[in-house]
Every structure is written in structure tokens, then in C-alpha cells.
Amino acid sequence: MNGVNEIVMDVGVLVSSTTKNVEYWATRPYLSSELSEKIRQSNFLIVPWENFREKEAVFPQFAEDLYQFLQERDAEGIEYEICIDENQFQSVSLHADVMFLGILLFTTTIWPIATNVMAEFFIRKIYKPENTNIEVEVVLQDPTGRAARITYKGPASEFSTVVGGRAAQIIREDNTIVDLDGDECLDIIPRPN
């Protein structure tokens, strides 16, 4: 070794189907009707963890940072929303060697832009994305309402490549999602040297 402490991280990816699509989030009982309509018009959602530590809806601490970043970034084609009324926003700080991002929902029509925006967020928010592990659940929804969940655990620097690669495998050219029966695959991919 050359005197540098090297952090070796594995990438974990789980791809499965889910019923938690835009309509699911738009109909949560803790949302105002005005926000529900905004959610239905959005293609990028930041959604809460439900029933986490006995709270109805709570976000990891970085959700608010991401929302502010999206406001500043104003990416063309992205209509984003956070799935909670402002006066009900609660966050939780988890002390770990992992940056928890919670749950994000992208429509299949914007997933390439959304993963690139997330990569930009990591570069701006994290001093060394290659040395920072993140944990995030990305839900992709197609035009028919079908949704797939990609759970990612690994270096922030590899998010776009790994999640984008998985998304490309499950999204057809017409932006619909392939049929997934339960947990489709669990891959542990060693980090390249």
C-alpha cells in the first residue's frame, strides 16, 4: 500500500416491483389536497419513510438538502415535489457511516436526467463521493402506473452508473417497465480496483 488508507466498499443493488407509485403518494392521509394535486403533476418525488420510529412520515436529514438543491438547480424537464406539507416536515438524523437519502421516485421519462442531477448533488454535497457510502431507494414509474424499486447501497460516486444501468435493464424503449415478479435480483458487485 502507498500510505493511503483505502476504503473498499461493495455495491448492493436490489430490483423489485412495488405498488408505491405517484398515486399512492398523492393519496397519503397526511397530505393536503393542494399538495396531492402537485404530486400528481410531478415526475420527481422525495417521499418520506412511513411509520419510522413511530412517526407517520419522516425524512432523512439529507432530504431537505436535496429539495433545496433541486430548487436552486431548476433542471429542465424535472417537476419535483417533496411529499409532505411544509408545516408537517420532520427529519431524522441517523448517525452512521452512510448517507441516507430515503426514497426518491422518478418517472421513466426523466430517469436519465434525474440520475445525473443526483450525481451532481453528490458532487456538491459530499467532499469525496468515492469515499462516501449512500443508501437510497429509487422508485421508477412508467406511464401506465407500474413501478419498480431499485434499492442502492454503495459509494455515491457510483450511483449514476449502477442505478442508471439497472434502470436501463428494466425500462423498455416505450418507457414502460418490464414485468418483475417479487425480488427480481440481488447483486453484490465488488468495487473495481
N, C-alpha and C. Protein backbone atom coordinates (compact mmCIF):
# COMPACT_ATOMS: atom_id res chain seq x y z
N MET A 1 0.84 -1.18 0.00
CA MET A 1 0.00 0.00 0.00
C MET A 1 0.88 1.24 0.00
N ASN A 2 0.40 2.34 -0.53
CA ASN A 2 1.21 3.53 -0.68
C ASN A 2 1.00 4.55 0.43
N GLY A 3 0.63 4.11 1.63
CA GLY A 3 0.45 5.01 2.75
C GLY A 3 -0.93 5.67 2.79
N VAL A 4 -1.77 5.37 1.84
CA VAL A 4 -3.11 5.95 1.80
C VAL A 4 -4.09 4.90 2.30
N ASN A 5 -4.95 5.29 3.23
CA ASN A 5 -5.99 4.37 3.68
C ASN A 5 -7.04 4.28 2.60
N GLU A 6 -7.23 3.10 2.08
CA GLU A 6 -8.18 2.91 1.00
C GLU A 6 -9.46 2.34 1.57
N ILE A 7 -10.54 2.94 1.24
CA ILE A 7 -11.84 2.46 1.67
C ILE A 7 -12.41 1.61 0.56
N VAL A 8 -12.64 0.35 0.85
CA VAL A 8 -13.20 -0.54 -0.15
C VAL A 8 -14.67 -0.75 0.21
N MET A 9 -15.54 -0.41 -0.71
CA MET A 9 -16.97 -0.53 -0.48
C MET A 9 -17.57 -1.43 -1.54
N ASP A 10 -18.52 -2.23 -1.14
CA ASP A 10 -19.25 -3.04 -2.09
C ASP A 10 -20.53 -2.31 -2.48
N VAL A 11 -21.01 -2.62 -3.64
CA VAL A 11 -22.25 -2.05 -4.12
C VAL A 11 -23.32 -3.12 -4.02
N GLY A 12 -24.41 -2.80 -3.38
CA GLY A 12 -25.54 -3.70 -3.30
C GLY A 12 -26.72 -3.11 -4.03
N VAL A 13 -27.34 -3.91 -4.86
CA VAL A 13 -28.49 -3.45 -5.64
C VAL A 13 -29.58 -4.50 -5.56
N LEU A 14 -30.77 -4.06 -5.26
CA LEU A 14 -31.93 -4.95 -5.25
C LEU A 14 -32.98 -4.32 -6.15
N VAL A 15 -33.50 -5.06 -7.09
CA VAL A 15 -34.53 -4.58 -8.00
C VAL A 15 -35.79 -5.41 -7.77
N SER A 16 -36.92 -4.74 -7.55
CA SER A 16 -38.17 -5.45 -7.33
C SER A 16 -39.34 -4.57 -7.75
N SER A 17 -40.52 -5.16 -7.83
CA SER A 17 -41.71 -4.38 -8.15
C SER A 17 -42.24 -3.73 -6.87
N THR A 18 -43.05 -2.68 -7.04
CA THR A 18 -43.67 -2.02 -5.90
C THR A 18 -44.99 -1.41 -6.36
N THR A 19 -45.90 -1.24 -5.43
CA THR A 19 -47.17 -0.58 -5.72
C THR A 19 -47.16 0.88 -5.27
N LYS A 20 -46.04 1.33 -4.73
CA LYS A 20 -45.96 2.71 -4.21
C LYS A 20 -45.54 3.66 -5.33
N ASN A 21 -46.53 3.99 -6.15
CA ASN A 21 -46.30 4.89 -7.29
C ASN A 21 -46.78 6.30 -6.94
N VAL A 22 -46.82 7.18 -7.91
CA VAL A 22 -47.22 8.57 -7.67
C VAL A 22 -48.61 8.63 -7.03
N GLU A 23 -49.55 7.85 -7.52
CA GLU A 23 -50.90 7.88 -6.97
C GLU A 23 -50.91 7.46 -5.50
N TYR A 24 -50.12 6.45 -5.16
CA TYR A 24 -50.01 6.04 -3.75
C TYR A 24 -49.60 7.23 -2.89
N TRP A 25 -48.54 7.92 -3.32
CA TRP A 25 -48.03 9.04 -2.51
C TRP A 25 -48.99 10.23 -2.53
N ALA A 26 -49.70 10.44 -3.62
CA ALA A 26 -50.63 11.56 -3.70
C ALA A 26 -51.85 11.37 -2.80
N THR A 27 -52.12 10.14 -2.40
CA THR A 27 -53.31 9.86 -1.58
C THR A 27 -52.99 9.56 -0.12
N ARG A 28 -51.81 9.93 0.33
CA ARG A 28 -51.47 9.70 1.74
C ARG A 28 -52.34 10.60 2.62
N PRO A 29 -52.83 10.08 3.74
CA PRO A 29 -53.78 10.83 4.57
C PRO A 29 -53.19 12.10 5.22
N TYR A 30 -51.90 12.21 5.30
CA TYR A 30 -51.28 13.37 5.95
C TYR A 30 -51.00 14.52 4.98
N LEU A 31 -51.46 14.42 3.72
CA LEU A 31 -51.23 15.48 2.74
C LEU A 31 -52.47 16.33 2.53
N SER A 32 -52.25 17.61 2.26
CA SER A 32 -53.37 18.48 1.89
C SER A 32 -53.79 18.15 0.46
N SER A 33 -55.01 18.50 0.10
CA SER A 33 -55.49 18.23 -1.27
C SER A 33 -54.69 19.04 -2.28
N GLU A 34 -54.26 20.24 -1.92
CA GLU A 34 -53.45 21.06 -2.82
C GLU A 34 -52.12 20.37 -3.13
N LEU A 35 -51.46 19.85 -2.10
CA LEU A 35 -50.19 19.16 -2.32
C LEU A 35 -50.40 17.86 -3.09
N SER A 36 -51.49 17.17 -2.84
CA SER A 36 -51.78 15.93 -3.58
C SER A 36 -51.84 16.19 -5.08
N GLU A 37 -52.45 17.29 -5.47
CA GLU A 37 -52.52 17.63 -6.90
C GLU A 37 -51.14 17.96 -7.46
N LYS A 38 -50.32 18.67 -6.69
CA LYS A 38 -48.95 18.98 -7.14
C LYS A 38 -48.14 17.70 -7.33
N ILE A 39 -48.33 16.75 -6.43
CA ILE A 39 -47.62 15.47 -6.52
C ILE A 39 -48.02 14.74 -7.80
N ARG A 40 -49.30 14.75 -8.12
CA ARG A 40 -49.77 14.08 -9.34
C ARG A 40 -49.18 14.69 -10.60
N GLN A 41 -48.79 15.95 -10.55
CA GLN A 41 -48.20 16.64 -11.71
C GLN A 41 -46.68 16.53 -11.75
N SER A 42 -46.09 15.91 -10.74
CA SER A 42 -44.63 15.85 -10.62
C SER A 42 -44.06 14.59 -11.26
N ASN A 43 -42.79 14.66 -11.64
CA ASN A 43 -42.11 13.48 -12.18
C ASN A 43 -40.87 13.11 -11.37
N PHE A 44 -40.64 13.83 -10.27
CA PHE A 44 -39.51 13.56 -9.36
C PHE A 44 -40.03 13.85 -7.96
N LEU A 45 -40.17 12.82 -7.15
CA LEU A 45 -40.68 12.98 -5.80
C LEU A 45 -39.64 12.59 -4.76
N ILE A 46 -39.62 13.35 -3.69
CA ILE A 46 -38.88 12.98 -2.49
C ILE A 46 -39.95 12.53 -1.51
N VAL A 47 -39.93 11.26 -1.14
CA VAL A 47 -41.02 10.71 -0.33
C VAL A 47 -40.50 10.29 1.04
N PRO A 48 -41.39 10.32 2.04
CA PRO A 48 -40.95 10.03 3.41
C PRO A 48 -40.87 8.53 3.71
N TRP A 49 -40.17 8.25 4.78
CA TRP A 49 -40.27 6.94 5.39
C TRP A 49 -41.55 6.98 6.21
N GLU A 50 -42.38 6.00 6.07
CA GLU A 50 -43.62 5.96 6.83
C GLU A 50 -43.46 5.03 8.04
N ASN A 51 -44.07 5.44 9.15
CA ASN A 51 -44.05 4.68 10.40
C ASN A 51 -42.64 4.36 10.86
N PHE A 52 -41.75 5.30 10.69
CA PHE A 52 -40.37 5.15 11.13
C PHE A 52 -40.26 5.71 12.54
N ARG A 53 -39.86 4.89 13.47
CA ARG A 53 -39.74 5.30 14.88
C ARG A 53 -41.02 5.96 15.38
N GLU A 54 -42.12 5.32 15.04
CA GLU A 54 -43.46 5.71 15.49
C GLU A 54 -43.90 7.08 14.97
N LYS A 55 -43.30 7.54 13.90
CA LYS A 55 -43.73 8.79 13.26
C LYS A 55 -44.43 8.44 11.96
N GLU A 56 -45.51 9.16 11.67
CA GLU A 56 -46.31 8.85 10.48
C GLU A 56 -45.50 9.02 9.20
N ALA A 57 -44.76 10.14 9.11
CA ALA A 57 -43.96 10.42 7.91
C ALA A 57 -42.74 11.23 8.32
N VAL A 58 -41.56 10.71 8.02
CA VAL A 58 -40.32 11.38 8.39
C VAL A 58 -39.31 11.21 7.27
N PHE A 59 -38.44 12.19 7.13
CA PHE A 59 -37.44 12.18 6.08
C PHE A 59 -36.05 12.09 6.69
N PRO A 60 -35.12 11.45 5.99
CA PRO A 60 -33.73 11.50 6.46
C PRO A 60 -33.22 12.94 6.32
N GLN A 61 -32.22 13.29 7.11
CA GLN A 61 -31.77 14.67 7.16
C GLN A 61 -31.37 15.24 5.81
N PHE A 62 -30.91 14.44 4.88
CA PHE A 62 -30.44 14.96 3.60
C PHE A 62 -31.57 15.24 2.61
N ALA A 63 -32.80 14.86 2.95
CA ALA A 63 -33.94 15.12 2.06
C ALA A 63 -34.16 16.62 1.87
N GLU A 64 -34.05 17.37 2.95
CA GLU A 64 -34.24 18.81 2.85
C GLU A 64 -33.13 19.45 2.01
N ASP A 65 -31.90 18.96 2.17
CA ASP A 65 -30.77 19.45 1.36
C ASP A 65 -31.03 19.17 -0.12
N LEU A 66 -31.53 17.99 -0.42
CA LEU A 66 -31.83 17.64 -1.81
C LEU A 66 -32.94 18.54 -2.36
N TYR A 67 -33.97 18.78 -1.59
CA TYR A 67 -35.06 19.64 -2.03
C TYR A 67 -34.55 21.05 -2.34
N GLN A 68 -33.71 21.59 -1.46
CA GLN A 68 -33.13 22.92 -1.69
C GLN A 68 -32.23 22.92 -2.93
N PHE A 69 -31.48 21.85 -3.11
CA PHE A 69 -30.63 21.73 -4.30
C PHE A 69 -31.48 21.74 -5.57
N LEU A 70 -32.58 21.00 -5.56
CA LEU A 70 -33.47 20.95 -6.73
C LEU A 70 -34.06 22.33 -7.02
N GLN A 71 -34.38 23.08 -5.98
CA GLN A 71 -34.90 24.44 -6.17
C GLN A 71 -33.85 25.33 -6.83
N GLU A 72 -32.60 25.20 -6.38
CA GLU A 72 -31.51 26.01 -6.94
C GLU A 72 -31.14 25.55 -8.34
N ARG A 73 -31.13 24.27 -8.56
CA ARG A 73 -30.68 23.66 -9.82
C ARG A 73 -31.67 23.91 -10.95
N ASP A 74 -32.95 23.79 -10.67
CA ASP A 74 -34.01 24.01 -11.65
C ASP A 74 -33.72 23.31 -12.98
N ALA A 75 -33.56 21.99 -12.91
CA ALA A 75 -33.25 21.19 -14.10
C ALA A 75 -34.44 21.17 -15.06
N GLU A 76 -34.15 21.38 -16.34
CA GLU A 76 -35.19 21.38 -17.36
C GLU A 76 -35.85 20.01 -17.45
N GLY A 77 -37.17 20.02 -17.45
CA GLY A 77 -37.92 18.77 -17.59
C GLY A 77 -38.27 18.11 -16.27
N ILE A 78 -37.68 18.57 -15.17
CA ILE A 78 -37.97 17.96 -13.87
C ILE A 78 -38.97 18.81 -13.11
N GLU A 79 -40.07 18.16 -12.76
CA GLU A 79 -41.10 18.77 -11.91
C GLU A 79 -41.05 18.02 -10.59
N TYR A 80 -40.43 18.61 -9.59
CA TYR A 80 -40.17 17.91 -8.33
C TYR A 80 -41.12 18.36 -7.24
N GLU A 81 -41.25 17.51 -6.24
CA GLU A 81 -42.06 17.85 -5.07
C GLU A 81 -41.59 16.99 -3.91
N ILE A 82 -41.73 17.51 -2.71
CA ILE A 82 -41.48 16.73 -1.51
C ILE A 82 -42.85 16.36 -0.94
N CYS A 83 -43.03 15.12 -0.59
CA CYS A 83 -44.36 14.60 -0.25
C CYS A 83 -44.74 14.83 1.21
N ILE A 84 -44.77 16.08 1.58
CA ILE A 84 -45.25 16.46 2.90
C ILE A 84 -45.55 17.95 2.86
N ASP A 85 -46.59 18.35 3.57
CA ASP A 85 -46.87 19.78 3.69
C ASP A 85 -45.79 20.41 4.56
N GLU A 86 -45.43 21.63 4.22
CA GLU A 86 -44.30 22.31 4.87
C GLU A 86 -44.40 22.31 6.40
N ASN A 87 -45.58 22.53 6.92
CA ASN A 87 -45.75 22.61 8.38
C ASN A 87 -45.67 21.25 9.07
N GLN A 88 -45.64 20.16 8.29
CA GLN A 88 -45.55 18.81 8.87
C GLN A 88 -44.18 18.16 8.65
N PHE A 89 -43.27 18.87 8.01
CA PHE A 89 -41.96 18.28 7.70
C PHE A 89 -41.21 17.94 8.98
N GLN A 90 -40.75 16.69 9.05
CA GLN A 90 -39.92 16.22 10.15
C GLN A 90 -38.77 15.44 9.55
N SER A 91 -37.57 15.66 10.11
CA SER A 91 -36.43 14.88 9.63
C SER A 91 -35.80 14.17 10.81
N VAL A 92 -35.07 13.15 10.48
CA VAL A 92 -34.35 12.37 11.49
C VAL A 92 -32.90 12.27 11.04
N SER A 93 -32.02 12.45 11.99
CA SER A 93 -30.59 12.33 11.71
C SER A 93 -30.12 10.98 12.21
N LEU A 94 -29.64 10.17 11.30
CA LEU A 94 -29.14 8.84 11.65
C LEU A 94 -27.62 8.91 11.66
N HIS A 95 -27.04 8.52 12.75
CA HIS A 95 -25.59 8.60 12.90
C HIS A 95 -24.97 7.28 12.47
N ALA A 96 -24.40 7.30 11.30
CA ALA A 96 -23.78 6.11 10.72
C ALA A 96 -22.75 6.55 9.70
N ASP A 97 -22.01 5.61 9.17
CA ASP A 97 -21.04 5.90 8.11
C ASP A 97 -21.70 5.88 6.74
N VAL A 98 -23.00 6.08 6.72
CA VAL A 98 -23.78 6.02 5.49
C VAL A 98 -24.62 7.30 5.40
N MET A 99 -24.71 7.85 4.21
CA MET A 99 -25.59 8.99 3.95
C MET A 99 -26.93 8.42 3.49
N PHE A 100 -27.95 8.55 4.32
CA PHE A 100 -29.27 8.02 3.99
C PHE A 100 -30.04 9.08 3.21
N LEU A 101 -30.53 8.71 2.04
CA LEU A 101 -31.30 9.63 1.21
C LEU A 101 -32.78 9.29 1.19
N GLY A 102 -33.15 8.17 1.74
CA GLY A 102 -34.56 7.81 1.79
C GLY A 102 -35.08 7.27 0.48
N ILE A 103 -36.25 7.76 0.08
CA ILE A 103 -36.94 7.24 -1.09
C ILE A 103 -37.15 8.36 -2.10
N LEU A 104 -36.77 8.10 -3.33
CA LEU A 104 -36.98 9.03 -4.44
C LEU A 104 -37.82 8.33 -5.48
N LEU A 105 -38.70 9.04 -6.13
CA LEU A 105 -39.50 8.47 -7.21
C LEU A 105 -39.27 9.31 -8.46
N PHE A 106 -38.88 8.64 -9.55
CA PHE A 106 -38.72 9.30 -10.85
C PHE A 106 -39.67 8.62 -11.83
N THR A 107 -40.22 9.38 -12.74
CA THR A 107 -40.94 8.73 -13.82
C THR A 107 -39.91 8.23 -14.84
N THR A 108 -40.29 7.22 -15.59
CA THR A 108 -39.34 6.62 -16.54
C THR A 108 -38.95 7.59 -17.65
N THR A 109 -39.75 8.61 -17.89
CA THR A 109 -39.42 9.56 -18.96
C THR A 109 -38.28 10.49 -18.58
N ILE A 110 -37.99 10.65 -17.28
CA ILE A 110 -36.92 11.57 -16.88
C ILE A 110 -35.78 10.88 -16.14
N TRP A 111 -35.79 9.55 -16.03
CA TRP A 111 -34.79 8.90 -15.19
C TRP A 111 -33.35 9.24 -15.59
N PRO A 112 -32.99 9.37 -16.87
CA PRO A 112 -31.58 9.71 -17.15
C PRO A 112 -31.20 11.09 -16.61
N ILE A 113 -32.10 12.05 -16.76
CA ILE A 113 -31.84 13.40 -16.23
C ILE A 113 -31.78 13.35 -14.71
N ALA A 114 -32.70 12.64 -14.10
CA ALA A 114 -32.78 12.57 -12.64
C ALA A 114 -31.53 11.93 -12.03
N THR A 115 -31.02 10.86 -12.63
CA THR A 115 -29.80 10.24 -12.07
C THR A 115 -28.61 11.17 -12.24
N ASN A 116 -28.55 11.92 -13.33
CA ASN A 116 -27.46 12.89 -13.50
C ASN A 116 -27.57 14.03 -12.50
N VAL A 117 -28.78 14.49 -12.23
CA VAL A 117 -28.98 15.54 -11.22
C VAL A 117 -28.54 15.02 -9.85
N MET A 118 -28.86 13.77 -9.56
CA MET A 118 -28.43 13.19 -8.27
C MET A 118 -26.91 13.12 -8.19
N ALA A 119 -26.26 12.74 -9.27
CA ALA A 119 -24.79 12.69 -9.28
C ALA A 119 -24.21 14.08 -9.01
N GLU A 120 -24.80 15.08 -9.60
CA GLU A 120 -24.37 16.46 -9.36
C GLU A 120 -24.58 16.85 -7.89
N PHE A 121 -25.71 16.43 -7.31
CA PHE A 121 -25.98 16.68 -5.89
C PHE A 121 -24.89 16.07 -5.02
N PHE A 122 -24.50 14.83 -5.32
CA PHE A 122 -23.47 14.17 -4.53
C PHE A 122 -22.14 14.92 -4.63
N ILE A 123 -21.79 15.36 -5.82
CA ILE A 123 -20.53 16.08 -6.01
C ILE A 123 -20.54 17.38 -5.20
N ARG A 124 -21.65 18.08 -5.20
CA ARG A 124 -21.73 19.35 -4.47
C ARG A 124 -21.86 19.18 -2.97
N LYS A 125 -22.56 18.13 -2.55
CA LYS A 125 -22.86 17.94 -1.13
C LYS A 125 -21.77 17.18 -0.39
N ILE A 126 -21.08 16.29 -1.07
CA ILE A 126 -20.12 15.40 -0.41
C ILE A 126 -18.71 15.76 -0.85
N TYR A 127 -17.82 15.90 0.09
CA TYR A 127 -16.44 16.26 -0.21
C TYR A 127 -15.76 15.22 -1.10
N LYS A 128 -15.90 13.94 -0.76
CA LYS A 128 -15.31 12.86 -1.55
C LYS A 128 -16.37 11.79 -1.81
N PRO A 129 -17.16 11.94 -2.90
CA PRO A 129 -18.22 10.97 -3.17
C PRO A 129 -17.73 9.53 -3.30
N GLU A 130 -16.49 9.36 -3.74
CA GLU A 130 -15.97 7.99 -3.90
C GLU A 130 -15.72 7.32 -2.55
N ASN A 131 -15.62 8.11 -1.48
CA ASN A 131 -15.38 7.55 -0.15
C ASN A 131 -16.62 7.61 0.75
N THR A 132 -17.75 7.97 0.19
CA THR A 132 -18.97 8.11 0.99
C THR A 132 -20.01 7.11 0.51
N ASN A 133 -20.42 6.25 1.41
CA ASN A 133 -21.49 5.30 1.10
C ASN A 133 -22.83 5.99 1.25
N ILE A 134 -23.73 5.66 0.34
CA ILE A 134 -25.10 6.16 0.44
C ILE A 134 -26.06 4.98 0.44
N GLU A 135 -27.24 5.25 0.92
CA GLU A 135 -28.32 4.27 0.86
C GLU A 135 -29.56 5.00 0.39
N VAL A 136 -30.14 4.52 -0.71
CA VAL A 136 -31.30 5.19 -1.29
C VAL A 136 -32.18 4.17 -2.00
N GLU A 137 -33.46 4.44 -1.97
CA GLU A 137 -34.42 3.62 -2.72
C GLU A 137 -34.96 4.51 -3.83
N VAL A 138 -34.80 4.07 -5.06
CA VAL A 138 -35.31 4.80 -6.21
C VAL A 138 -36.48 4.01 -6.78
N VAL A 139 -37.62 4.66 -6.86
CA VAL A 139 -38.79 4.04 -7.48
C VAL A 139 -38.95 4.66 -8.86
N LEU A 140 -39.06 3.82 -9.86
CA LEU A 140 -39.29 4.27 -11.23
C LEU A 140 -40.72 3.94 -11.60
N GLN A 141 -41.46 4.92 -12.10
CA GLN A 141 -42.85 4.68 -12.51
C GLN A 141 -42.99 4.93 -14.00
N ASP A 142 -43.63 3.99 -14.67
CA ASP A 142 -43.86 4.14 -16.11
C ASP A 142 -45.19 4.84 -16.38
N PRO A 143 -45.48 5.17 -17.64
CA PRO A 143 -46.73 5.88 -17.97
C PRO A 143 -48.01 5.13 -17.62
N THR A 144 -47.93 3.81 -17.45
CA THR A 144 -49.12 3.03 -17.09
C THR A 144 -49.36 3.00 -15.58
N GLY A 145 -48.42 3.52 -14.79
CA GLY A 145 -48.53 3.49 -13.34
C GLY A 145 -47.75 2.35 -12.70
N ARG A 146 -47.23 1.43 -13.51
CA ARG A 146 -46.42 0.33 -12.97
C ARG A 146 -45.13 0.92 -12.42
N ALA A 147 -44.67 0.36 -11.30
CA ALA A 147 -43.47 0.89 -10.66
C ALA A 147 -42.51 -0.23 -10.28
N ALA A 148 -41.24 0.11 -10.32
CA ALA A 148 -40.16 -0.79 -9.89
C ALA A 148 -39.29 -0.04 -8.90
N ARG A 149 -38.77 -0.78 -7.95
CA ARG A 149 -37.93 -0.20 -6.91
C ARG A 149 -36.49 -0.68 -7.10
N ILE A 150 -35.56 0.25 -7.08
CA ILE A 150 -34.14 -0.08 -7.10
C ILE A 150 -33.56 0.42 -5.79
N THR A 151 -33.13 -0.51 -4.95
CA THR A 151 -32.51 -0.15 -3.69
C THR A 151 -31.01 -0.21 -3.89
N TYR A 152 -30.34 0.90 -3.59
CA TYR A 152 -28.90 1.03 -3.83
C TYR A 152 -28.18 1.30 -2.52
N LYS A 153 -27.12 0.55 -2.28
CA LYS A 153 -26.22 0.77 -1.15
C LYS A 153 -24.81 0.70 -1.71
N GLY A 154 -24.10 1.81 -1.63
CA GLY A 154 -22.75 1.82 -2.16
C GLY A 154 -22.20 3.23 -2.24
N PRO A 155 -21.04 3.38 -2.88
CA PRO A 155 -20.41 4.70 -3.00
C PRO A 155 -21.28 5.67 -3.79
N ALA A 156 -21.36 6.90 -3.31
CA ALA A 156 -22.12 7.94 -4.00
C ALA A 156 -21.61 8.13 -5.42
N SER A 157 -20.31 7.97 -5.62
CA SER A 157 -19.71 8.19 -6.94
C SER A 157 -20.18 7.17 -7.98
N GLU A 158 -20.73 6.04 -7.55
CA GLU A 158 -21.16 5.00 -8.48
C GLU A 158 -22.68 4.96 -8.66
N PHE A 159 -23.40 5.85 -7.99
CA PHE A 159 -24.86 5.84 -8.04
C PHE A 159 -25.39 5.90 -9.47
N SER A 160 -24.95 6.90 -10.23
CA SER A 160 -25.49 7.08 -11.59
C SER A 160 -25.21 5.89 -12.48
N THR A 161 -24.00 5.36 -12.38
CA THR A 161 -23.62 4.22 -13.22
C THR A 161 -24.44 2.99 -12.87
N VAL A 162 -24.51 2.68 -11.59
CA VAL A 162 -25.17 1.45 -11.16
C VAL A 162 -26.69 1.56 -11.28
N VAL A 163 -27.27 2.61 -10.73
CA VAL A 163 -28.73 2.75 -10.79
C VAL A 163 -29.17 3.00 -12.23
N GLY A 164 -28.41 3.83 -12.95
CA GLY A 164 -28.73 4.06 -14.37
C GLY A 164 -28.66 2.78 -15.18
N GLY A 165 -27.67 1.95 -14.89
CA GLY A 165 -27.54 0.66 -15.58
C GLY A 165 -28.70 -0.26 -15.30
N ARG A 166 -29.11 -0.32 -14.04
CA ARG A 166 -30.26 -1.17 -13.68
C ARG A 166 -31.54 -0.62 -14.31
N ALA A 167 -31.70 0.69 -14.28
CA ALA A 167 -32.89 1.29 -14.89
C ALA A 167 -32.96 0.96 -16.38
N ALA A 168 -31.81 1.05 -17.05
CA ALA A 168 -31.77 0.74 -18.49
C ALA A 168 -32.18 -0.71 -18.76
N GLN A 169 -31.91 -1.61 -17.81
CA GLN A 169 -32.28 -3.02 -17.98
C GLN A 169 -33.77 -3.27 -17.81
N ILE A 170 -34.44 -2.44 -17.02
CA ILE A 170 -35.84 -2.72 -16.73
C ILE A 170 -36.82 -1.78 -17.44
N ILE A 171 -36.31 -0.75 -18.12
CA ILE A 171 -37.20 0.18 -18.83
C ILE A 171 -37.09 -0.09 -20.33
N ARG A 172 -38.24 -0.35 -20.94
CA ARG A 172 -38.29 -0.58 -22.38
C ARG A 172 -38.17 0.73 -23.15
N GLU A 173 -37.99 0.64 -24.46
CA GLU A 173 -37.88 1.83 -25.31
C GLU A 173 -39.11 2.72 -25.24
N ASP A 174 -40.29 2.13 -24.99
CA ASP A 174 -41.52 2.94 -24.90
C ASP A 174 -41.75 3.48 -23.49
N ASN A 175 -40.72 3.42 -22.64
CA ASN A 175 -40.73 3.91 -21.25
C ASN A 175 -41.59 3.08 -20.30
N THR A 176 -42.02 1.89 -20.70
CA THR A 176 -42.73 1.02 -19.78
C THR A 176 -41.71 0.12 -19.09
N ILE A 177 -42.10 -0.40 -17.94
CA ILE A 177 -41.22 -1.24 -17.13
C ILE A 177 -41.51 -2.71 -17.43
N VAL A 178 -40.46 -3.50 -17.53
CA VAL A 178 -40.63 -4.94 -17.75
C VAL A 178 -41.35 -5.55 -16.56
N ASP A 179 -41.93 -6.74 -16.75
CA ASP A 179 -42.60 -7.43 -15.65
C ASP A 179 -41.57 -7.92 -14.65
N LEU A 180 -41.80 -7.57 -13.39
CA LEU A 180 -40.95 -8.05 -12.30
C LEU A 180 -41.82 -8.82 -11.33
N ASP A 181 -41.43 -10.02 -11.04
CA ASP A 181 -42.17 -10.83 -10.09
C ASP A 181 -41.39 -10.89 -8.79
N GLY A 182 -41.85 -10.13 -7.78
CA GLY A 182 -41.18 -10.13 -6.49
C GLY A 182 -39.79 -9.56 -6.60
N ASP A 183 -38.88 -10.07 -5.82
CA ASP A 183 -37.49 -9.61 -5.87
C ASP A 183 -36.82 -10.22 -7.08
N GLU A 184 -36.57 -9.41 -8.09
CA GLU A 184 -36.04 -9.88 -9.35
C GLU A 184 -34.58 -10.29 -9.24
N CYS A 185 -33.78 -9.45 -8.58
CA CYS A 185 -32.37 -9.82 -8.48
C CYS A 185 -31.71 -9.09 -7.34
N LEU A 186 -30.73 -9.73 -6.76
CA LEU A 186 -29.89 -9.12 -5.74
C LEU A 186 -28.47 -9.33 -6.19
N ASP A 187 -27.81 -8.26 -6.50
CA ASP A 187 -26.43 -8.34 -6.98
C ASP A 187 -25.50 -7.66 -5.99
N ILE A 188 -24.43 -8.28 -5.69
CA ILE A 188 -23.36 -7.64 -4.94
C ILE A 188 -22.21 -7.53 -5.93
N ILE A 189 -21.89 -6.33 -6.29
CA ILE A 189 -20.87 -6.08 -7.29
C ILE A 189 -19.67 -5.47 -6.61
N PRO A 190 -18.52 -6.17 -6.58
CA PRO A 190 -17.35 -5.58 -5.93
C PRO A 190 -16.92 -4.30 -6.64
N ARG A 191 -16.46 -3.37 -5.86
CA ARG A 191 -15.97 -2.10 -6.40
C ARG A 191 -14.72 -2.37 -7.22
N PRO A 192 -14.63 -1.79 -8.42
CA PRO A 192 -13.44 -2.01 -9.25
C PRO A 192 -12.20 -1.43 -8.58
N ASN A 193 -11.05 -2.09 -8.80
CA ASN A 193 -9.79 -1.61 -8.21
C ASN A 193 -9.18 -0.52 -9.06
